[in-house]
C-alpha atoms as a PDB file:
ATOM      1  CA  MET A   1      33.084-102.647 -13.287  1.00  0.00           C
ATOM      2  CA  ALA A   2      34.621-101.963 -16.632  1.00  0.00           C
ATOM      3  CA  GLY A   3      34.181-104.446 -19.464  1.00  0.00           C
ATOM      4  CA  ASP A   4      37.427-106.196 -20.222  1.00  0.00           C
ATOM      5  CA  ALA A   5      36.292-108.736 -22.780  1.00  0.00           C
ATOM      6  CA  VAL A   6      33.075-109.598 -24.594  1.00  0.00           C
ATOM      7  CA  ARG A   7      33.018-112.619 -26.892  1.00  0.00           C
ATOM      8  CA  ALA A   8      30.368-114.772 -28.475  1.00  0.00           C
ATOM      9  CA  CYS A   9      30.773-118.442 -27.605  1.00  0.00           C
ATOM     10  CA  GLU A  10      27.676-119.649 -29.475  1.00  0.00           C
ATOM     11  CA  GLY A  11      25.500-117.588 -31.829  1.00  0.00           C
ATOM     12  CA  ARG A  12      25.523-113.793 -32.187  1.00  0.00           C
ATOM     13  CA  GLY A  13      27.642-111.617 -29.926  1.00  0.00           C
ATOM     14  CA  ALA A  14      26.780-108.345 -28.240  1.00  0.00           C
ATOM     15  CA  GLY A  15      28.076-105.998 -30.914  1.00  0.00           C
ATOM     16  CA  ALA A  16      31.162-103.818 -31.033  1.00  0.00           C
ATOM     17  CA  ASP A  17      29.664-100.994 -28.961  1.00  0.00           C
ATOM     18  CA  ALA A  18      28.464-103.108 -26.022  1.00  0.00           C
ATOM     19  CA  SER A  19      28.642-101.427 -22.643  1.00  0.00           C
ATOM     20  CA  LEU A  20      27.681-102.744 -19.247  1.00  0.00           C
ATOM     21  CA  SER A  21      26.005-101.364 -16.165  1.00  0.00           C
ATOM     22  CA  VAL A  22      25.274-104.007 -13.544  1.00  0.00           C
ATOM     23  CA  VAL A  23      22.431-103.648 -11.049  1.00  0.00           C
ATOM     24  CA  HIS A  24      21.930-106.591  -8.693  1.00  0.00           C
ATOM     25  CA  SER A  25      18.482-107.145  -7.274  1.00  0.00           C
ATOM     26  CA  LEU A  26      16.529-110.259  -6.398  1.00  0.00           C
ATOM     27  CA  SER A  27      13.461-108.893  -8.189  1.00  0.00           C
ATOM     28  CA  ILE A  28      12.541-106.347 -10.814  1.00  0.00           C
ATOM     29  CA  THR A  29       9.478-104.187 -11.274  1.00  0.00           C
ATOM     30  CA  LEU A  30       7.802-104.042 -14.675  1.00  0.00           C
ATOM     31  CA  PRO A  31       7.646-101.991 -16.790  1.00  0.00           C
ATOM     32  CA  ILE A  32      11.366-101.508 -17.093  1.00  0.00           C
ATOM     33  CA  LEU A  33      12.364 -98.226 -18.669  1.00  0.00           C
ATOM     34  CA  PRO A  34      14.364 -98.548 -21.884  1.00  0.00           C
ATOM     35  CA  SER A  35      18.108 -98.509 -21.450  1.00  0.00           C
ATOM     36  CA  PRO A  36      20.195 -95.799 -23.132  1.00  0.00           C
ATOM     37  CA  THR A  37      22.559 -98.563 -24.275  1.00  0.00           C
ATOM     38  CA  SER A  38      21.863-100.746 -27.279  1.00  0.00           C
ATOM     39  CA  TRP A  39      21.810-103.974 -25.283  1.00  0.00           C
ATOM     40  CA  ARG A  40      19.611-104.387 -22.195  1.00  0.00           C
ATOM     41  CA  LEU A  41      19.366-107.609 -20.221  1.00  0.00           C
ATOM     42  CA  ALA A  42      17.008-108.319 -17.344  1.00  0.00           C
ATOM     43  CA  GLY A  43      16.413-111.368 -15.216  1.00  0.00           C
ATOM     44  CA  VAL A  44      14.886-112.437 -11.945  1.00  0.00           C
ATOM     45  CA  ALA A  45      16.490-114.540  -9.229  1.00  0.00           C
ATOM     46  CA  SER A  46      14.175-117.471  -8.643  1.00  0.00           C
ATOM     47  CA  HIS A  47      13.947-120.726  -6.752  1.00  0.00           C
ATOM     48  CA  LEU A  48      16.222-123.569  -7.802  1.00  0.00           C
ATOM     49  CA  ARG A  49      14.349-125.502 -10.465  1.00  0.00           C
ATOM     50  CA  TYR A  50      16.354-128.679 -11.050  1.00  0.00           C
ATOM     51  CA  THR A  51      17.746-129.096  -7.543  1.00  0.00           C
ATOM     52  CA  GLU A  52      16.783-131.779  -5.060  1.00  0.00           C
ATOM     53  CA  ARG A  53      16.746-131.123  -1.286  1.00  0.00           C
ATOM     54  CA  ASP A  54      20.104-132.802  -0.556  1.00  0.00           C
ATOM     55  CA  GLU A  55      21.770-130.905  -3.410  1.00  0.00           C
ATOM     56  CA  LYS A  56      20.343-127.617  -2.136  1.00  0.00           C
ATOM     57  CA  LYS A  57      21.721-128.295   1.351  1.00  0.00           C
ATOM     58  CA  ARG A  58      25.181-129.016  -0.089  1.00  0.00           C
ATOM     59  CA  LEU A  59      25.061-125.855  -2.222  1.00  0.00           C
ATOM     60  CA  ASP A  60      23.902-123.706   0.699  1.00  0.00           C
ATOM     61  CA  ALA A  61      26.737-125.054   2.881  1.00  0.00           C
ATOM     62  CA  VAL A  62      29.416-123.695   0.509  1.00  0.00           C
ATOM     63  CA  ARG A  63      27.627-120.736  -1.049  1.00  0.00           C
ATOM     64  CA  ALA A  64      29.608-117.507  -1.308  1.00  0.00           C
ATOM     65  CA  GLU A  65      27.862-114.146  -1.274  1.00  0.00           C
ATOM     66  CA  ILE A  66      27.966-111.785  -4.219  1.00  0.00           C
ATOM     67  CA  GLY A  67      29.875-108.574  -3.509  1.00  0.00           C
ATOM     68  CA  ARG A  68      32.827-109.899  -1.496  1.00  0.00           C
ATOM     69  CA  PRO A  69      35.602-107.254  -1.508  1.00  0.00           C
ATOM     70  CA  GLU A  70      38.271-109.720  -2.675  1.00  0.00           C
ATOM     71  CA  ALA A  71      36.166-110.887  -5.637  1.00  0.00           C
ATOM     72  CA  THR A  72      37.257-108.186  -8.096  1.00  0.00           C
ATOM     73  CA  TYR A  73      36.796-110.359 -11.202  1.00  0.00           C
ATOM     74  CA  ALA A  74      33.349-111.066 -12.612  1.00  0.00           C
ATOM     75  CA  ALA A  75      31.783-112.816 -15.565  1.00  0.00           C
ATOM     76  CA  LEU A  76      28.313-112.338 -16.988  1.00  0.00           C
ATOM     77  CA  ILE A  77      27.359-115.193 -19.293  1.00  0.00           C
ATOM     78  CA  PRO A  78      23.923-114.837 -20.901  1.00  0.00           C
ATOM     79  CA  ILE A  79      22.673-118.163 -22.267  1.00  0.00           C
ATOM     80  CA  LYS A  80      19.843-119.126 -24.608  1.00  0.00           C
ATOM     81  CA  LYS A  81      18.832-122.771 -24.858  1.00  0.00           C
ATOM     82  CA  SER A  82      17.385-124.331 -28.008  1.00  0.00           C
ATOM     83  CA  ALA A  83      13.713-124.987 -28.655  1.00  0.00           C
ATOM     84  CA  THR A  84      14.547-128.702 -28.332  1.00  0.00           C
ATOM     85  CA  TRP A  85      15.575-128.116 -24.701  1.00  0.00           C
ATOM     86  CA  TRP A  86      12.315-126.350 -23.876  1.00  0.00           C
ATOM     87  CA  GLU A  87      10.266-129.074 -25.585  1.00  0.00           C
ATOM     88  CA  LEU A  88      11.613-131.578 -23.039  1.00  0.00           C
ATOM     89  CA  THR A  89       9.662-132.137 -19.848  1.00  0.00           C
ATOM     90  CA  GLN A  90      10.979-130.811 -16.534  1.00  0.00           C
ATOM     91  CA  GLU A  91      11.956-134.382 -15.610  1.00  0.00           C
ATOM     92  CA  GLU A  92      13.840-134.906 -18.891  1.00  0.00           C
ATOM     93  CA  ARG A  93      15.715-131.618 -18.418  1.00  0.00           C
ATOM     94  CA  ARG A  94      16.605-132.629 -14.845  1.00  0.00           C
ATOM     95  CA  GLN A  95      17.998-135.946 -16.118  1.00  0.00           C
ATOM     96  CA  ILE A  96      20.256-134.125 -18.567  1.00  0.00           C
ATOM     97  CA  PHE A  97      21.118-131.302 -16.131  1.00  0.00           C
ATOM     98  CA  GLU A  98      22.195-133.419 -13.184  1.00  0.00           C
ATOM     99  CA  ASP A  99      21.853-137.165 -13.774  1.00  0.00           C
ATOM    100  CA  ARG A 100      23.975-137.090 -16.941  1.00  0.00           C
ATOM    101  CA  SER A 101      25.757-133.695 -16.974  1.00  0.00           C
ATOM    102  CA  HIS A 102      26.318-133.564 -13.183  1.00  0.00           C
ATOM    103  CA  HIS A 103      25.966-129.763 -13.255  1.00  0.00           C
ATOM    104  CA  ILE A 104      25.524-129.335  -9.496  1.00  0.00           C
ATOM    105  CA  ALA A 105      27.904-132.105  -8.426  1.00  0.00           C
ATOM    106  CA  ALA A 106      30.636-130.858 -10.765  1.00  0.00           C
ATOM    107  CA  SER A 107      30.164-127.241  -9.640  1.00  0.00           C
ATOM    108  CA  LEU A 108      30.420-127.925  -5.907  1.00  0.00           C
ATOM    109  CA  LYS A 109      34.201-128.251  -5.932  1.00  0.00           C
ATOM    110  CA  TYR A 110      34.511-124.650  -7.226  1.00  0.00           C
ATOM    111  CA  LEU A 111      32.516-123.164  -4.357  1.00  0.00           C
ATOM    112  CA  PRO A 112      32.948-120.988  -2.318  1.00  0.00           C
ATOM    113  CA  ALA A 113      35.892-119.612  -4.363  1.00  0.00           C
ATOM    114  CA  ILE A 114      33.426-118.732  -7.113  1.00  0.00           C
ATOM    115  CA  ALA A 115      30.272-116.861  -6.084  1.00  0.00           C
ATOM    116  CA  ARG A 116      27.379-117.200  -8.490  1.00  0.00           C
ATOM    117  CA  GLN A 117      23.848-116.044  -9.092  1.00  0.00           C
ATOM    118  CA  LEU A 118      21.466-117.263 -11.760  1.00  0.00           C
ATOM    119  CA  TYR A 119      18.818-114.929 -13.154  1.00  0.00           C
ATOM    120  CA  HIS A 120      15.891-116.250 -15.199  1.00  0.00           C
ATOM    121  CA  SER A 121      14.992-114.181 -18.265  1.00  0.00           C
ATOM    122  CA  ARG A 122      12.956-116.465 -20.528  1.00  0.00           C
ATOM    123  CA  ASP A 123       9.564-115.688 -18.995  1.00  0.00           C
ATOM    124  CA  LEU A 124      10.284-111.957 -19.281  1.00  0.00           C
ATOM    125  CA  GLY A 125      10.550-112.196 -23.079  1.00  0.00           C
ATOM    126  CA  GLU A 126      14.262-111.417 -22.995  1.00  0.00           C
ATOM    127  CA  PRO A 127      16.684-112.529 -25.750  1.00  0.00           C
ATOM    128  CA  PHE A 128      18.392-114.976 -23.344  1.00  0.00           C
ATOM    129  CA  ASP A 129      16.882-117.614 -21.068  1.00  0.00           C
ATOM    130  CA  PHE A 130      19.416-117.189 -18.267  1.00  0.00           C
ATOM    131  CA  LEU A 131      21.907-114.608 -17.080  1.00  0.00           C
ATOM    132  CA  THR A 132      24.678-116.296 -15.142  1.00  0.00           C
ATOM    133  CA  TRP A 133      26.731-114.008 -12.903  1.00  0.00           C
ATOM    134  CA  PHE A 134      30.003-115.113 -11.322  1.00  0.00           C
ATOM    135  CA  GLU A 135      32.433-113.272  -9.029  1.00  0.00           C
ATOM    136  CA  TYR A 136      35.870-114.434  -7.929  1.00  0.00           C
ATOM    137  CA  ALA A 137      39.223-113.210  -6.705  1.00  0.00           C
ATOM    138  CA  PRO A 138      42.102-112.837  -9.201  1.00  0.00           C
ATOM    139  CA  ALA A 139      43.841-115.788  -7.522  1.00  0.00           C
ATOM    140  CA  ASP A 140      40.830-117.952  -8.544  1.00  0.00           C
ATOM    141  CA  ALA A 141      40.835-116.978 -12.247  1.00  0.00           C
ATOM    142  CA  ASP A 142      42.207-120.370 -13.339  1.00  0.00           C
ATOM    143  CA  THR A 143      39.654-122.123 -11.128  1.00  0.00           C
ATOM    144  CA  PHE A 144      36.869-120.163 -12.812  1.00  0.00           C
ATOM    145  CA  GLU A 145      38.188-121.078 -16.285  1.00  0.00           C
ATOM    146  CA  GLU A 146      38.193-124.743 -15.237  1.00  0.00           C
ATOM    147  CA  LEU A 147      34.591-124.455 -14.031  1.00  0.00           C
ATOM    148  CA  VAL A 148      33.463-122.918 -17.323  1.00  0.00           C
ATOM    149  CA  ARG A 149      35.325-125.564 -19.363  1.00  0.00           C
ATOM    150  CA  THR A 150      33.759-128.319 -17.246  1.00  0.00           C
ATOM    151  CA  LEU A 151      30.221-127.000 -17.756  1.00  0.00           C
ATOM    152  CA  ARG A 152      30.689-126.363 -21.486  1.00  0.00           C
ATOM    153  CA  ALA A 153      31.812-129.978 -21.969  1.00  0.00           C
ATOM    154  CA  THR A 154      28.545-131.436 -20.611  1.00  0.00           C
ATOM    155  CA  GLU A 155      25.602-132.905 -22.493  1.00  0.00           C
ATOM    156  CA  GLU A 156      23.490-130.027 -21.200  1.00  0.00           C
ATOM    157  CA  TRP A 157      25.633-127.541 -23.162  1.00  0.00           C
ATOM    158  CA  ARG A 158      24.665-129.201 -26.453  1.00  0.00           C
ATOM    159  CA  TYR A 159      21.322-127.422 -26.009  1.00  0.00           C
ATOM    160  CA  VAL A 160      22.909-123.958 -25.802  1.00  0.00           C
ATOM    161  CA  GLU A 161      22.270-122.062 -29.042  1.00  0.00           C
ATOM    162  CA  ARG A 162      23.559-118.672 -27.927  1.00  0.00           C
ATOM    163  CA  GLU A 163      26.125-117.752 -25.294  1.00  0.00           C
ATOM    164  CA  VAL A 164      28.066-114.542 -24.781  1.00  0.00           C
ATOM    165  CA  ASP A 165      30.953-114.412 -22.315  1.00  0.00           C
ATOM    166  CA  ILE A 166      31.506-110.981 -20.744  1.00  0.00           C
ATOM    167  CA  ARG A 167      34.453-110.532 -18.385  1.00  0.00           C
ATOM    168  CA  MET A 168      34.992-107.608 -16.040  1.00  0.00           C
ATOM    169  CA  GLU A 169      37.349-106.380 -13.375  1.00  0.00           C
ATOM    170  CA  ARG A 170      36.757-103.759 -10.714  1.00  0.00           C
ATOM    171  CA  GLU A 171      39.242-101.985  -8.541  1.00  0.00           C
ATOM    172  CA  ARG A 172      39.446-103.200  -4.968  1.00  0.00           C
ATOM    173  CA  LEU A 173      37.311-101.091  -2.688  1.00  0.00           C
ATOM    174  CA  ASP A 174      40.221-100.668  -0.271  1.00  0.00           C
ATOM    175  CA  ALA A 175      42.715 -99.652  -2.973  1.00  0.00           C
ATOM    176  CA  GLY A 176      44.139 -96.149  -3.001  1.00  0.00           C
END
């Protein structure tokens, strides 16, 4: 995938010379060798932390897989939450995440058109807490923009102190 757009939404951006090489894996092995690029991000797919059983069942029922041939658009959105967020208890974060921001409930209507994967980075000492990866077909670009606007308008997003929005497009595998 070639980087089409990189912009800072909150806090510092990635720099003018940012480049991207995406490697999907559900786990990583430490130590990670240094990247030849100036900006390296790593994260680990983990269990759902703020999700109740019924919500997980509803998410699983409409989940789209990463790597679908028609999903030639992608977005990588690294996010860092404030110290205030991390000072809250797990229960307090859950209340903000779902009870008041309705993160899961609001996201369900965008699935399966938008495939997503969350990677946790905070415990790895990375500069971001989460790496959020989305894939979607060009026909769903407006739907994706609506999803992002919806999430950024929530109470939960008030705790985001750094966010970079990286958009990419790849050629269809069957093109040519």
